[in-house]
């Protein structure tokens, strides 16, 4: 496992919900990242944001790690969920809130 992959794996395992994003949860630096932050915040889900703009190795490595070409990327309990469009669809259908509950992640609001 490369150093980048090991660091990515460590980030994913560090919290139940991890979002690889452009910017930070407080200051997202792209609309897609901002949208996923809004969704998670609406659900009241505590999550860790990993700013890929601070580390090019992580920025490129996460795409290969997940076999997903775009950022943001959402992980729940170590499993890749998807990017902005998938998170949005799952949020609107209620699947994202259910996924959180199924994985023992507290939510404060329903979709």
N, C-alpha and C. Protein backbone atom coordinates (compact mmCIF):
# COMPACT_ATOMS: atom_id res chain seq x y z
N UNK A 1 0.85 -1.18 0.00
CA UNK A 1 0.00 0.00 0.00
C UNK A 1 0.90 1.25 0.00
N UNK A 2 0.61 2.16 -0.90
CA UNK A 2 1.42 3.38 -0.98
C UNK A 2 1.19 4.25 0.26
N UNK A 3 2.09 5.20 0.47
CA UNK A 3 1.96 6.11 1.59
C UNK A 3 0.63 6.87 1.52
N UNK A 4 0.27 7.33 0.32
CA UNK A 4 -1.00 8.05 0.15
C UNK A 4 -2.18 7.16 0.50
N UNK A 5 -2.16 5.92 0.03
CA UNK A 5 -3.25 4.99 0.34
C UNK A 5 -3.35 4.72 1.83
N UNK A 6 -2.19 4.58 2.49
CA UNK A 6 -2.19 4.34 3.93
C UNK A 6 -2.77 5.54 4.67
N UNK A 7 -2.42 6.75 4.24
CA UNK A 7 -2.94 7.96 4.87
C UNK A 7 -4.44 8.10 4.62
N UNK A 8 -4.89 7.78 3.41
CA UNK A 8 -6.32 7.83 3.09
C UNK A 8 -7.08 6.82 3.95
N UNK A 9 -6.56 5.61 4.05
CA UNK A 9 -7.20 4.57 4.86
C UNK A 9 -7.29 5.02 6.32
N UNK A 10 -6.22 5.64 6.82
CA UNK A 10 -6.22 6.13 8.21
C UNK A 10 -7.28 7.21 8.40
N UNK A 11 -7.44 8.10 7.43
CA UNK A 11 -8.47 9.15 7.52
C UNK A 11 -9.86 8.52 7.55
N UNK A 12 -10.09 7.56 6.67
CA UNK A 12 -11.40 6.90 6.57
C UNK A 12 -11.75 6.19 7.87
N UNK A 13 -10.73 5.62 8.52
CA UNK A 13 -10.96 4.87 9.76
C UNK A 13 -11.02 5.78 10.99
N UNK A 14 -10.66 7.06 10.84
CA UNK A 14 -10.55 7.95 11.99
C UNK A 14 -11.90 8.40 12.54
N UNK A 15 -12.94 8.39 11.71
CA UNK A 15 -14.28 8.84 12.10
C UNK A 15 -15.31 7.99 11.37
N UNK A 16 -16.53 7.89 11.93
CA UNK A 16 -17.56 7.12 11.21
C UNK A 16 -17.94 7.74 9.86
N UNK A 17 -17.93 9.07 9.76
CA UNK A 17 -18.30 9.74 8.51
C UNK A 17 -17.16 10.68 8.12
N UNK A 18 -16.63 10.46 6.91
CA UNK A 18 -15.50 11.26 6.42
C UNK A 18 -15.86 11.76 5.02
N UNK A 19 -15.61 13.05 4.81
CA UNK A 19 -15.85 13.67 3.51
C UNK A 19 -14.54 14.23 2.97
N UNK A 20 -14.06 13.65 1.88
CA UNK A 20 -12.91 14.21 1.17
C UNK A 20 -13.48 15.30 0.29
N UNK A 21 -13.01 16.53 0.50
CA UNK A 21 -13.65 17.68 -0.11
C UNK A 21 -12.63 18.75 -0.48
N UNK A 22 -13.10 19.71 -1.27
CA UNK A 22 -12.28 20.89 -1.59
C UNK A 22 -12.66 21.96 -0.57
N UNK A 23 -11.69 22.32 0.27
CA UNK A 23 -11.94 23.27 1.33
C UNK A 23 -12.23 22.54 2.63
N UNK A 24 -12.86 23.26 3.55
CA UNK A 24 -13.18 22.71 4.86
C UNK A 24 -14.69 22.77 5.08
N UNK A 25 -15.20 22.04 6.07
CA UNK A 25 -16.64 22.13 6.33
C UNK A 25 -17.11 23.56 6.62
N UNK A 26 -16.27 24.36 7.24
CA UNK A 26 -16.63 25.74 7.54
C UNK A 26 -16.49 26.63 6.30
N UNK A 27 -15.54 26.29 5.43
CA UNK A 27 -15.28 27.11 4.24
C UNK A 27 -15.06 26.21 3.02
N UNK A 28 -16.15 25.59 2.50
CA UNK A 28 -16.01 24.76 1.30
C UNK A 28 -15.55 25.63 0.13
N UNK A 29 -14.71 25.06 -0.73
CA UNK A 29 -14.18 25.84 -1.85
C UNK A 29 -14.66 25.33 -3.20
N UNK A 30 -15.75 24.59 -3.20
CA UNK A 30 -16.44 24.28 -4.46
C UNK A 30 -17.90 24.01 -4.14
N UNK A 31 -18.75 24.25 -5.10
CA UNK A 31 -20.18 24.09 -4.89
C UNK A 31 -20.60 22.68 -4.55
N UNK A 32 -19.94 21.70 -5.14
CA UNK A 32 -20.30 20.30 -4.88
C UNK A 32 -19.95 19.91 -3.45
N UNK A 33 -18.77 20.33 -3.01
CA UNK A 33 -18.38 20.07 -1.61
C UNK A 33 -19.34 20.77 -0.67
N UNK A 34 -19.69 22.01 -0.99
CA UNK A 34 -20.62 22.77 -0.15
C UNK A 34 -21.97 22.07 -0.05
N UNK A 35 -22.42 21.50 -1.14
CA UNK A 35 -23.72 20.82 -1.14
C UNK A 35 -23.71 19.61 -0.20
N UNK A 36 -22.65 18.81 -0.24
CA UNK A 36 -22.58 17.63 0.64
C UNK A 36 -22.45 18.07 2.10
N UNK A 37 -21.70 19.13 2.37
CA UNK A 37 -21.61 19.67 3.73
C UNK A 37 -23.00 20.09 4.21
N UNK A 38 -23.77 20.75 3.34
CA UNK A 38 -25.14 21.17 3.69
C UNK A 38 -26.01 19.97 4.04
N UNK A 39 -25.90 18.92 3.24
CA UNK A 39 -26.70 17.71 3.47
C UNK A 39 -26.35 17.10 4.82
N UNK A 40 -25.06 16.91 5.08
CA UNK A 40 -24.64 16.30 6.34
C UNK A 40 -25.02 17.19 7.52
N UNK A 41 -24.88 18.49 7.35
CA UNK A 41 -25.24 19.42 8.42
C UNK A 41 -26.75 19.40 8.69
N UNK A 42 -27.54 19.32 7.63
CA UNK A 42 -29.00 19.25 7.78
C UNK A 42 -29.39 17.99 8.56
N UNK A 43 -28.72 16.89 8.28
CA UNK A 43 -29.00 15.64 8.98
C UNK A 43 -28.43 15.65 10.40
N UNK A 44 -27.58 16.63 10.70
CA UNK A 44 -26.96 16.70 12.02
C UNK A 44 -25.91 15.64 12.23
N UNK A 45 -25.29 15.20 11.15
CA UNK A 45 -24.30 14.13 11.21
C UNK A 45 -22.93 14.73 11.51
N UNK A 46 -22.28 14.29 12.59
CA UNK A 46 -20.91 14.73 12.80
C UNK A 46 -20.01 14.06 11.77
N UNK A 47 -19.12 14.83 11.15
CA UNK A 47 -18.25 14.26 10.13
C UNK A 47 -16.91 14.97 10.12
N UNK A 48 -15.94 14.29 9.54
CA UNK A 48 -14.61 14.86 9.38
C UNK A 48 -14.45 15.26 7.93
N UNK A 49 -14.04 16.50 7.70
CA UNK A 49 -13.72 16.96 6.36
C UNK A 49 -12.23 16.87 6.13
N UNK A 50 -11.84 16.30 5.00
CA UNK A 50 -10.43 16.23 4.62
C UNK A 50 -10.25 17.13 3.41
N UNK A 51 -9.49 18.20 3.58
CA UNK A 51 -9.29 19.18 2.53
C UNK A 51 -8.23 18.68 1.54
N UNK A 52 -8.69 18.24 0.36
CA UNK A 52 -7.76 17.70 -0.63
C UNK A 52 -6.92 18.79 -1.28
N UNK A 53 -7.32 20.05 -1.13
CA UNK A 53 -6.54 21.14 -1.72
C UNK A 53 -5.22 21.36 -0.98
N UNK A 54 -5.13 20.85 0.24
CA UNK A 54 -3.91 21.01 1.03
C UNK A 54 -2.86 19.95 0.73
N UNK A 55 -3.23 18.90 0.00
CA UNK A 55 -2.32 17.78 -0.20
C UNK A 55 -2.59 17.13 -1.56
N UNK A 56 -1.74 17.43 -2.53
CA UNK A 56 -1.95 16.89 -3.89
C UNK A 56 -1.89 15.36 -3.93
N UNK A 57 -1.09 14.77 -3.06
CA UNK A 57 -0.99 13.31 -3.03
C UNK A 57 -2.34 12.69 -2.61
N UNK A 58 -2.98 13.30 -1.63
CA UNK A 58 -4.31 12.83 -1.21
C UNK A 58 -5.34 13.16 -2.29
N UNK A 59 -5.24 14.34 -2.89
CA UNK A 59 -6.20 14.76 -3.92
C UNK A 59 -6.23 13.78 -5.08
N UNK A 60 -5.07 13.38 -5.55
CA UNK A 60 -5.02 12.43 -6.66
C UNK A 60 -5.22 10.99 -6.16
N UNK A 61 -4.69 10.70 -4.99
CA UNK A 61 -4.75 9.34 -4.46
C UNK A 61 -6.16 8.88 -4.15
N UNK A 62 -7.02 9.80 -3.67
CA UNK A 62 -8.38 9.40 -3.31
C UNK A 62 -9.16 8.96 -4.54
N UNK A 63 -8.86 9.54 -5.68
CA UNK A 63 -9.56 9.16 -6.92
C UNK A 63 -9.24 7.72 -7.30
N UNK A 64 -7.98 7.34 -7.16
CA UNK A 64 -7.57 5.96 -7.45
C UNK A 64 -8.07 5.02 -6.36
N UNK A 65 -8.00 5.47 -5.12
CA UNK A 65 -8.39 4.66 -3.96
C UNK A 65 -9.83 4.17 -4.10
N UNK A 66 -10.71 5.09 -4.49
CA UNK A 66 -12.14 4.78 -4.58
C UNK A 66 -12.58 4.38 -5.98
N UNK A 67 -11.68 4.57 -6.94
CA UNK A 67 -12.02 4.37 -8.35
C UNK A 67 -13.18 5.28 -8.74
N UNK A 68 -13.12 6.52 -8.25
CA UNK A 68 -14.15 7.53 -8.50
C UNK A 68 -13.42 8.80 -8.91
N UNK A 69 -13.76 9.39 -10.06
CA UNK A 69 -12.91 10.46 -10.61
C UNK A 69 -13.10 11.86 -10.03
N UNK A 70 -14.12 12.06 -9.21
CA UNK A 70 -14.41 13.42 -8.76
C UNK A 70 -14.39 13.54 -7.24
N UNK A 71 -14.30 14.78 -6.81
CA UNK A 71 -14.34 15.14 -5.40
C UNK A 71 -15.50 16.11 -5.27
N UNK A 72 -16.33 16.01 -4.25
CA UNK A 72 -16.15 15.33 -2.97
C UNK A 72 -16.45 13.84 -3.04
N UNK A 73 -15.95 13.15 -2.00
CA UNK A 73 -16.21 11.73 -1.84
C UNK A 73 -16.61 11.48 -0.39
N UNK A 74 -17.73 10.80 -0.21
CA UNK A 74 -18.28 10.55 1.11
C UNK A 74 -18.07 9.09 1.51
N UNK A 75 -17.56 8.90 2.73
CA UNK A 75 -17.37 7.56 3.29
C UNK A 75 -18.15 7.46 4.59
N UNK A 76 -18.84 6.33 4.77
CA UNK A 76 -19.57 6.06 6.01
C UNK A 76 -19.10 4.70 6.52
N UNK A 77 -18.57 4.72 7.73
CA UNK A 77 -18.05 3.50 8.37
C UNK A 77 -17.08 2.76 7.45
N UNK A 78 -16.22 3.51 6.81
CA UNK A 78 -15.17 2.93 5.97
C UNK A 78 -15.60 2.56 4.57
N UNK A 79 -16.87 2.70 4.26
CA UNK A 79 -17.37 2.33 2.94
C UNK A 79 -17.61 3.57 2.09
N UNK A 80 -17.18 3.51 0.84
CA UNK A 80 -17.40 4.61 -0.09
C UNK A 80 -18.87 4.67 -0.46
N UNK A 81 -19.49 5.84 -0.26
CA UNK A 81 -20.90 6.04 -0.59
C UNK A 81 -21.04 6.63 -1.99
N UNK A 82 -20.28 7.70 -2.27
CA UNK A 82 -20.35 8.33 -3.58
C UNK A 82 -19.98 9.79 -3.50
N UNK A 83 -20.27 10.47 -4.59
CA UNK A 83 -19.98 11.89 -4.69
C UNK A 83 -21.22 12.73 -4.43
N UNK A 84 -21.20 13.94 -4.90
CA UNK A 84 -22.27 14.90 -4.63
C UNK A 84 -23.62 14.42 -5.17
N UNK A 85 -23.67 13.99 -6.41
CA UNK A 85 -24.96 13.60 -7.01
C UNK A 85 -25.58 12.42 -6.27
N UNK A 86 -24.77 11.43 -5.94
CA UNK A 86 -25.28 10.26 -5.23
C UNK A 86 -25.74 10.66 -3.83
N UNK A 87 -24.94 11.46 -3.13
CA UNK A 87 -25.33 11.91 -1.79
C UNK A 87 -26.64 12.69 -1.85
N UNK A 88 -26.79 13.53 -2.86
CA UNK A 88 -28.01 14.34 -3.01
C UNK A 88 -29.22 13.44 -3.26
N UNK A 89 -29.09 12.48 -4.18
CA UNK A 89 -30.20 11.57 -4.47
C UNK A 89 -30.57 10.76 -3.24
N UNK A 90 -29.55 10.26 -2.52
CA UNK A 90 -29.82 9.46 -1.32
C UNK A 90 -30.47 10.30 -0.23
N UNK A 91 -30.05 11.56 -0.12
CA UNK A 91 -30.64 12.47 0.87
C UNK A 91 -32.12 12.71 0.54
N UNK A 92 -32.41 13.01 -0.72
CA UNK A 92 -33.78 13.31 -1.12
C UNK A 92 -34.72 12.13 -0.96
N UNK A 93 -34.20 10.91 -1.15
CA UNK A 93 -35.04 9.72 -1.03
C UNK A 93 -35.13 9.20 0.40
N UNK A 94 -34.30 9.76 1.30
CA UNK A 94 -34.28 9.27 2.68
C UNK A 94 -33.27 8.16 2.90
N UNK A 95 -32.64 7.69 1.82
CA UNK A 95 -31.68 6.59 1.94
C UNK A 95 -30.45 6.98 2.75
N UNK A 96 -30.01 8.23 2.65
CA UNK A 96 -28.80 8.64 3.35
C UNK A 96 -29.03 8.62 4.87
N UNK A 97 -30.15 9.15 5.31
CA UNK A 97 -30.49 9.11 6.74
C UNK A 97 -30.57 7.67 7.22
N UNK A 98 -31.17 6.80 6.39
CA UNK A 98 -31.29 5.39 6.76
C UNK A 98 -29.92 4.72 6.81
N UNK A 99 -29.05 5.05 5.85
CA UNK A 99 -27.69 4.50 5.85
C UNK A 99 -26.96 4.89 7.14
N UNK A 100 -27.13 6.13 7.55
CA UNK A 100 -26.50 6.58 8.79
C UNK A 100 -27.02 5.78 9.97
N UNK A 101 -28.34 5.66 10.07
CA UNK A 101 -28.95 4.91 11.17
C UNK A 101 -28.50 3.46 11.16
N UNK A 102 -28.48 2.85 9.97
CA UNK A 102 -28.07 1.44 9.85
C UNK A 102 -26.63 1.23 10.31
N UNK A 103 -25.82 2.29 10.21
CA UNK A 103 -24.42 2.20 10.60
C UNK A 103 -24.15 2.79 11.98
N UNK A 104 -25.22 3.08 12.73
CA UNK A 104 -25.07 3.57 14.09
C UNK A 104 -24.60 5.01 14.19
N UNK A 105 -24.81 5.79 13.11
CA UNK A 105 -24.42 7.20 13.11
C UNK A 105 -25.64 8.02 13.49
N UNK A 106 -25.51 8.82 14.54
CA UNK A 106 -26.61 9.66 15.01
C UNK A 106 -26.98 10.70 13.95
N UNK A 107 -28.28 10.90 13.77
CA UNK A 107 -28.77 11.99 12.93
C UNK A 107 -29.74 12.80 13.77
N UNK A 108 -29.88 14.08 13.43
CA UNK A 108 -30.77 14.95 14.18
C UNK A 108 -32.00 15.33 13.40
N UNK A 109 -32.01 15.05 12.09
CA UNK A 109 -33.14 15.47 11.26
C UNK A 109 -33.42 14.40 10.22
N UNK A 110 -34.65 14.34 9.80
CA UNK A 110 -35.00 13.44 8.71
C UNK A 110 -34.87 14.16 7.39
N UNK A 111 -34.64 13.39 6.35
CA UNK A 111 -34.52 13.98 4.99
C UNK A 111 -35.87 14.49 4.54
